[in-house]
Amino acid sequence: MKSEERLKLCMKAGSVEAGCDEAGRGCLAGPVFAAAVILPDGFDCSELNDSKKLTEKQRNELRLIIEENALSYSVASCSPEEIDHLNILWASVSAMHKALSGLSVTPEHIIVDGNRFKPYEEIPYCCVVKGDAVYQSIAAASVLAKTYRDEYMKNLHLQFPEYDWDSNKGYPTVAHRKAIRENGITIHHRKSFNLFERQLELDF
C-alpha cells in the first residue's frame, strides 16, 4: 500500500495534524534533535523539501518562514547520555515525544518520518518512509530539527574546536575520527557508538 493511501486510512479529514522528524541520528557526538510542526490549512511552500536536499542558507530561510506561519512548533532533544541509555532509535522517538509535548496546540493526528514510532498520548499516528520529501509538515519538522541542531553544534565547536563540529556537526567524517584518535572523546560523544573505527584506508 502506498504511503499516501495508508495515510488517508488513519487520519480524519480536517484534523489538526503534527509532522515530526529528527536530525543527528548518525552522528558520533551531540544530542539528537526532533521537531513537531502543525501547519495551517492551505499552507503551501514550494521550496519546502527534505532538509537534507537543501543548502544551509535555504534551510535557515525556511526556518523563519515555518516559525512565522506554523500554528504551533516545538523543538526538543535527547542528550548523548540518553542516547547511550535508550539507543539512538528510541532516543529519537523520545525527542519527538518531547517536541510534541511542547506544542501549544494539541494535535489530533501525527505523521512521522521513517518506519518506527511509539504511541504518544493515544493520538493516532502514521509512519511514512521518506515522508519529509512528500508532506510539508514533516519537511518543516526536518528543517527545524536540522537547523536547531546545527546551531547547537556550532556553539559547541567554540568549546571544542579540535573536533571541527562547526563543519561536520558531529558526523563521522575522516577529520572527526582523526580528532578522536588524537584527542580522545568528550562528554558530548556517544559512548555506545563506534567512535574508534578501524582505519581501512590511508589518508592522503
C-alpha atoms as a PDB file:
ATOM      1  CA  MET A   1       0.000   0.000   0.000  1.00  0.00           C
ATOM      2  CA  LYS A   2       1.355   3.438  -0.944  1.00  0.00           C
ATOM      3  CA  SER A   3       2.171   5.797   1.909  1.00  0.00           C
ATOM      4  CA  GLU A   4      -0.472   8.281   0.671  1.00  0.00           C
ATOM      5  CA  GLU A   5      -3.159   5.596   0.731  1.00  0.00           C
ATOM      6  CA  ARG A   6      -2.100   4.391   4.185  1.00  0.00           C
ATOM      7  CA  LEU A   7      -2.161   7.975   5.457  1.00  0.00           C
ATOM      8  CA  LYS A   8      -5.725   8.501   4.254  1.00  0.00           C
ATOM      9  CA  LEU A   9      -6.851   5.435   6.151  1.00  0.00           C
ATOM     10  CA  CYS A  10      -5.560   6.614   9.512  1.00  0.00           C
ATOM     11  CA  MET A  11      -6.415  10.306   9.563  1.00  0.00           C
ATOM     12  CA  LYS A  12      -9.625  12.324   9.693  1.00  0.00           C
ATOM     13  CA  ALA A  13     -10.328  14.999   7.112  1.00  0.00           C
ATOM     14  CA  GLY A  14      -9.651  18.442   8.532  1.00  0.00           C
ATOM     15  CA  SER A  15      -7.847  17.124  11.600  1.00  0.00           C
ATOM     16  CA  VAL A  16      -5.136  19.119  13.324  1.00  0.00           C
ATOM     17  CA  GLU A  17      -2.026  17.291  12.190  1.00  0.00           C
ATOM     18  CA  ALA A  18       1.542  17.449  13.516  1.00  0.00           C
ATOM     19  CA  GLY A  19       4.502  16.403  11.395  1.00  0.00           C
ATOM     20  CA  CYS A  20       7.561  15.022  13.211  1.00  0.00           C
ATOM     21  CA  ASP A  21      11.150  14.418  12.181  1.00  0.00           C
ATOM     22  CA  GLU A  22      14.595  14.201  13.751  1.00  0.00           C
ATOM     23  CA  ALA A  23      18.170  15.221  12.953  1.00  0.00           C
ATOM     24  CA  GLY A  24      21.507  13.797  14.043  1.00  0.00           C
ATOM     25  CA  ARG A  25      20.845  10.068  14.326  1.00  0.00           C
ATOM     26  CA  GLY A  26      24.067   9.155  12.538  1.00  0.00           C
ATOM     27  CA  CYS A  27      26.363  11.486  14.465  1.00  0.00           C
ATOM     28  CA  LEU A  28      29.158  10.440  16.809  1.00  0.00           C
ATOM     29  CA  ALA A  29      28.695  13.464  19.062  1.00  0.00           C
ATOM     30  CA  GLY A  30      25.985  15.784  20.263  1.00  0.00           C
ATOM     31  CA  PRO A  31      22.287  15.319  21.017  1.00  0.00           C
ATOM     32  CA  VAL A  32      19.679  14.045  18.604  1.00  0.00           C
ATOM     33  CA  PHE A  33      17.139  16.776  17.879  1.00  0.00           C
ATOM     34  CA  ALA A  34      13.491  16.423  16.883  1.00  0.00           C
ATOM     35  CA  ALA A  35      10.764  18.840  15.899  1.00  0.00           C
ATOM     36  CA  ALA A  36       6.979  18.777  15.705  1.00  0.00           C
ATOM     37  CA  VAL A  37       5.155  21.219  13.446  1.00  0.00           C
ATOM     38  CA  ILE A  38       1.481  21.987  12.887  1.00  0.00           C
ATOM     39  CA  LEU A  39       0.935  23.963   9.689  1.00  0.00           C
ATOM     40  CA  PRO A  40      -2.252  25.906   8.910  1.00  0.00           C
ATOM     41  CA  ASP A  41      -4.753  24.643   6.344  1.00  0.00           C
ATOM     42  CA  GLY A  42      -3.779  25.771   2.877  1.00  0.00           C
ATOM     43  CA  PHE A  43      -0.117  26.323   3.729  1.00  0.00           C
ATOM     44  CA  ASP A  44       1.995  25.726   0.634  1.00  0.00           C
ATOM     45  CA  CYS A  45       5.682  26.489   0.274  1.00  0.00           C
ATOM     46  CA  SER A  46       7.187  25.103  -2.923  1.00  0.00           C
ATOM     47  CA  GLU A  47      10.723  25.464  -1.587  1.00  0.00           C
ATOM     48  CA  LEU A  48      10.000  23.263   1.412  1.00  0.00           C
ATOM     49  CA  ASN A  49      11.500  19.830   0.899  1.00  0.00           C
ATOM     50  CA  ASP A  50      13.625  17.235   2.615  1.00  0.00           C
ATOM     51  CA  SER A  51      16.112  19.332   4.610  1.00  0.00           C
ATOM     52  CA  LYS A  52      18.995  17.094   3.523  1.00  0.00           C
ATOM     53  CA  LYS A  53      18.474  18.262  -0.074  1.00  0.00           C
ATOM     54  CA  LEU A  54      18.561  21.943   0.843  1.00  0.00           C
ATOM     55  CA  THR A  55      21.546  24.214   1.320  1.00  0.00           C
ATOM     56  CA  GLU A  56      22.260  25.653   4.756  1.00  0.00           C
ATOM     57  CA  LYS A  57      21.156  29.077   3.520  1.00  0.00           C
ATOM     58  CA  GLN A  58      17.864  27.661   2.214  1.00  0.00           C
ATOM     59  CA  ARG A  59      17.193  25.816   5.475  1.00  0.00           C
ATOM     60  CA  ASN A  60      17.787  28.931   7.555  1.00  0.00           C
ATOM     61  CA  GLU A  61      15.483  30.992   5.327  1.00  0.00           C
ATOM     62  CA  LEU A  62      12.779  28.318   5.503  1.00  0.00           C
ATOM     63  CA  ARG A  63      13.135  28.134   9.272  1.00  0.00           C
ATOM     64  CA  LEU A  64      11.945  31.746   9.513  1.00  0.00           C
ATOM     65  CA  ILE A  65       9.004  31.053   7.187  1.00  0.00           C
ATOM     66  CA  ILE A  66       7.997  27.983   9.204  1.00  0.00           C
ATOM     67  CA  GLU A  67       8.265  29.763  12.560  1.00  0.00           C
ATOM     68  CA  GLU A  68       6.245  32.724  11.282  1.00  0.00           C
ATOM     69  CA  ASN A  69       3.464  30.647   9.706  1.00  0.00           C
ATOM     70  CA  ALA A  70       3.092  27.482  11.800  1.00  0.00           C
ATOM     71  CA  LEU A  71       0.076  27.202  14.074  1.00  0.00           C
ATOM     72  CA  SER A  72       2.491  25.661  16.557  1.00  0.00           C
ATOM     73  CA  TYR A  73       6.001  24.245  16.537  1.00  0.00           C
ATOM     74  CA  SER A  74       8.360  22.764  19.088  1.00  0.00           C
ATOM     75  CA  VAL A  75      11.967  21.554  19.042  1.00  0.00           C
ATOM     76  CA  ALA A  76      13.474  19.179  21.611  1.00  0.00           C
ATOM     77  CA  SER A  77      16.480  16.911  22.038  1.00  0.00           C
ATOM     78  CA  CYS A  78      17.900  13.877  23.795  1.00  0.00           C
ATOM     79  CA  SER A  79      21.414  14.053  25.212  1.00  0.00           C
ATOM     80  CA  PRO A  80      24.297  11.685  24.419  1.00  0.00           C
ATOM     81  CA  GLU A  81      23.664  10.075  27.817  1.00  0.00           C
ATOM     82  CA  GLU A  82      20.036   9.416  26.901  1.00  0.00           C
ATOM     83  CA  ILE A  83      21.132   8.050  23.541  1.00  0.00           C
ATOM     84  CA  ASP A  84      23.575   5.657  25.209  1.00  0.00           C
ATOM     85  CA  HIS A  85      20.865   4.537  27.629  1.00  0.00           C
ATOM     86  CA  LEU A  86      17.933   4.178  25.232  1.00  0.00           C
ATOM     87  CA  ASN A  87      19.789   3.540  21.926  1.00  0.00           C
ATOM     88  CA  ILE A  88      19.611   6.035  19.073  1.00  0.00           C
ATOM     89  CA  LEU A  89      16.268   4.869  17.643  1.00  0.00           C
ATOM     90  CA  TRP A  90      14.283   5.188  20.848  1.00  0.00           C
ATOM     91  CA  ALA A  91      16.144   8.345  21.867  1.00  0.00           C
ATOM     92  CA  SER A  92      14.992   9.847  18.557  1.00  0.00           C
ATOM     93  CA  VAL A  93      11.417   8.809  19.325  1.00  0.00           C
ATOM     94  CA  SER A  94      11.754  10.198  22.856  1.00  0.00           C
ATOM     95  CA  ALA A  95      12.915  13.532  21.415  1.00  0.00           C
ATOM     96  CA  MET A  96       9.850  13.540  19.136  1.00  0.00           C
ATOM     97  CA  HIS A  97       7.615  12.912  22.155  1.00  0.00           C
ATOM     98  CA  LYS A  98       9.285  15.838  23.954  1.00  0.00           C
ATOM     99  CA  ALA A  99       8.693  18.045  20.913  1.00  0.00           C
ATOM    100  CA  LEU A 100       5.032  17.006  20.734  1.00  0.00           C
ATOM    101  CA  SER A 101       4.656  17.830  24.431  1.00  0.00           C
ATOM    102  CA  GLY A 102       5.980  21.312  23.715  1.00  0.00           C
ATOM    103  CA  LEU A 103       3.279  22.178  21.178  1.00  0.00           C
ATOM    104  CA  SER A 104       0.808  24.867  22.235  1.00  0.00           C
ATOM    105  CA  VAL A 105      -1.878  23.150  20.134  1.00  0.00           C
ATOM    106  CA  THR A 106      -2.776  19.507  20.780  1.00  0.00           C
ATOM    107  CA  PRO A 107      -2.694  17.543  17.509  1.00  0.00           C
ATOM    108  CA  GLU A 108      -5.465  15.152  16.532  1.00  0.00           C
ATOM    109  CA  HIS A 109      -3.157  13.181  14.273  1.00  0.00           C
ATOM    110  CA  ILE A 110       0.607  12.692  13.956  1.00  0.00           C
ATOM    111  CA  ILE A 111       2.686  11.831  10.895  1.00  0.00           C
ATOM    112  CA  VAL A 112       6.268  10.724  11.447  1.00  0.00           C
ATOM    113  CA  ASP A 113       9.165  10.393   9.034  1.00  0.00           C
ATOM    114  CA  GLY A 114      10.504   6.826   8.988  1.00  0.00           C
ATOM    115  CA  ASN A 115       9.047   3.475   9.976  1.00  0.00           C
ATOM    116  CA  ARG A 116       9.273   3.313  13.795  1.00  0.00           C
ATOM    117  CA  PHE A 117       7.445   5.238  16.493  1.00  0.00           C
ATOM    118  CA  LYS A 118       5.781   4.716  19.850  1.00  0.00           C
ATOM    119  CA  PRO A 119       2.240   5.899  20.625  1.00  0.00           C
ATOM    120  CA  TYR A 120       2.001   9.393  22.046  1.00  0.00           C
ATOM    121  CA  GLU A 121      -0.927  10.073  24.401  1.00  0.00           C
ATOM    122  CA  GLU A 122      -3.243   7.798  22.399  1.00  0.00           C
ATOM    123  CA  ILE A 123      -3.165  10.195  19.430  1.00  0.00           C
ATOM    124  CA  PRO A 124      -3.457   8.309  16.085  1.00  0.00           C
ATOM    125  CA  TYR A 125      -0.259   8.339  14.041  1.00  0.00           C
ATOM    126  CA  CYS A 126       1.231   7.126  10.794  1.00  0.00           C
ATOM    127  CA  CYS A 127       4.866   6.423   9.933  1.00  0.00           C
ATOM    128  CA  VAL A 128       5.811   7.448   6.394  1.00  0.00           C
ATOM    129  CA  VAL A 129       9.146   6.369   4.920  1.00  0.00           C
ATOM    130  CA  LYS A 130      10.799   9.386   3.255  1.00  0.00           C
ATOM    131  CA  GLY A 131       7.834  11.423   4.424  1.00  0.00           C
ATOM    132  CA  ASP A 132       9.972  14.569   4.586  1.00  0.00           C
ATOM    133  CA  ALA A 133      10.076  14.553   0.769  1.00  0.00           C
ATOM    134  CA  VAL A 134       6.274  14.229   0.486  1.00  0.00           C
ATOM    135  CA  TYR A 135       4.481  16.004   3.369  1.00  0.00           C
ATOM    136  CA  GLN A 136       5.162  19.633   4.168  1.00  0.00           C
ATOM    137  CA  SER A 137       4.604  19.334   7.912  1.00  0.00           C
ATOM    138  CA  ILE A 138       7.239  16.579   8.107  1.00  0.00           C
ATOM    139  CA  ALA A 139       9.572  18.592   5.860  1.00  0.00           C
ATOM    140  CA  ALA A 140       9.063  21.603   8.123  1.00  0.00           C
ATOM    141  CA  ALA A 141       9.926  19.494  11.167  1.00  0.00           C
ATOM    142  CA  SER A 142      13.002  18.228   9.347  1.00  0.00           C
ATOM    143  CA  VAL A 143      14.161  21.779   8.630  1.00  0.00           C
ATOM    144  CA  LEU A 144      13.659  22.916  12.229  1.00  0.00           C
ATOM    145  CA  ALA A 145      15.353  19.867  13.744  1.00  0.00           C
ATOM    146  CA  LYS A 146      18.321  20.242  11.386  1.00  0.00           C
ATOM    147  CA  THR A 147      18.807  23.995  11.801  1.00  0.00           C
ATOM    148  CA  TYR A 148      18.454  23.934  15.585  1.00  0.00           C
ATOM    149  CA  ARG A 149      20.904  21.041  15.846  1.00  0.00           C
ATOM    150  CA  ASP A 150      23.428  22.675  13.502  1.00  0.00           C
ATOM    151  CA  GLU A 151      23.249  25.847  15.574  1.00  0.00           C
ATOM    152  CA  TYR A 152      23.831  23.839  18.750  1.00  0.00           C
ATOM    153  CA  MET A 153      26.878  22.072  17.296  1.00  0.00           C
ATOM    154  CA  LYS A 154      28.368  25.328  16.016  1.00  0.00           C
ATOM    155  CA  ASN A 155      28.157  26.762  19.520  1.00  0.00           C
ATOM    156  CA  LEU A 156      29.659  23.586  20.962  1.00  0.00           C
ATOM    157  CA  HIS A 157      32.534  23.941  18.493  1.00  0.00           C
ATOM    158  CA  LEU A 158      33.659  27.086  20.314  1.00  0.00           C
ATOM    159  CA  GLN A 159      34.455  24.934  23.370  1.00  0.00           C
ATOM    160  CA  PHE A 160      35.971  22.020  21.408  1.00  0.00           C
ATOM    161  CA  PRO A 161      37.412  23.463  18.164  1.00  0.00           C
ATOM    162  CA  GLU A 162      39.720  20.496  17.571  1.00  0.00           C
ATOM    163  CA  TYR A 163      36.754  18.317  16.528  1.00  0.00           C
ATOM    164  CA  ASP A 164      35.613  20.683  13.750  1.00  0.00           C
ATOM    165  CA  TRP A 165      31.969  20.463  14.820  1.00  0.00           C
ATOM    166  CA  ASP A 166      31.092  23.743  13.114  1.00  0.00           C
ATOM    167  CA  SER A 167      31.788  21.920   9.853  1.00  0.00           C
ATOM    168  CA  ASN A 168      30.950  18.229  10.413  1.00  0.00           C
ATOM    169  CA  LYS A 169      28.189  18.816  13.036  1.00  0.00           C
ATOM    170  CA  GLY A 170      29.323  15.651  14.833  1.00  0.00           C
ATOM    171  CA  TYR A 171      29.027  13.297  11.863  1.00  0.00           C
ATOM    172  CA  PRO A 172      31.731  10.615  11.379  1.00  0.00           C
ATOM    173  CA  THR A 173      33.947  12.400   8.874  1.00  0.00           C
ATOM    174  CA  VAL A 174      37.578  11.391   8.397  1.00  0.00           C
ATOM    175  CA  ALA A 175      38.672  14.578  10.187  1.00  0.00           C
ATOM    176  CA  HIS A 176      36.333  13.946  13.127  1.00  0.00           C
ATOM    177  CA  ARG A 177      37.558  10.378  13.617  1.00  0.00           C
ATOM    178  CA  LYS A 178      41.153  11.573  13.369  1.00  0.00           C
ATOM    179  CA  ALA A 179      40.481  14.191  16.067  1.00  0.00           C
ATOM    180  CA  ILE A 180      39.028  11.468  18.317  1.00  0.00           C
ATOM    181  CA  ARG A 181      42.123   9.303  17.819  1.00  0.00           C
ATOM    182  CA  GLU A 182      44.416  12.222  18.616  1.00  0.00           C
ATOM    183  CA  ASN A 183      42.460  13.919  21.429  1.00  0.00           C
ATOM    184  CA  GLY A 184      40.205  11.233  22.864  1.00  0.00           C
ATOM    185  CA  ILE A 185      36.485  11.667  23.425  1.00  0.00           C
ATOM    186  CA  THR A 186      34.495  14.380  25.186  1.00  0.00           C
ATOM    187  CA  ILE A 187      31.395  14.309  27.366  1.00  0.00           C
ATOM    188  CA  HIS A 188      29.467  15.115  24.180  1.00  0.00           C
ATOM    189  CA  HIS A 189      30.461  11.924  22.364  1.00  0.00           C
ATOM    190  CA  ARG A 190      28.091   8.962  22.250  1.00  0.00           C
ATOM    191  CA  LYS A 191      29.948   6.204  24.027  1.00  0.00           C
ATOM    192  CA  SER A 192      27.670   3.479  22.663  1.00  0.00           C
ATOM    193  CA  PHE A 193      28.738   4.362  19.108  1.00  0.00           C
ATOM    194  CA  ASN A 194      31.762   3.017  17.266  1.00  0.00           C
ATOM    195  CA  LEU A 195      33.994   6.011  17.929  1.00  0.00           C
ATOM    196  CA  PHE A 196      37.325   4.349  17.222  1.00  0.00           C
ATOM    197  CA  GLU A 197      36.538   2.671  13.921  1.00  0.00           C
ATOM    198  CA  ARG A 198      39.489   0.793  12.496  1.00  0.00           C
ATOM    199  CA  GLN A 199      41.131   2.786   9.717  1.00  0.00           C
ATOM    200  CA  LEU A 200      40.611   0.922   6.454  1.00  0.00           C
ATOM    201  CA  GLU A 201      42.011   3.493   4.057  1.00  0.00           C
ATOM    202  CA  LEU A 202      45.110   5.646   4.034  1.00  0.00           C
ATOM    203  CA  ASP A 203      44.627   9.374   4.471  1.00  0.00           C
ATOM    204  CA  PHE A 204      46.188  11.417   1.701  1.00  0.00           C
END
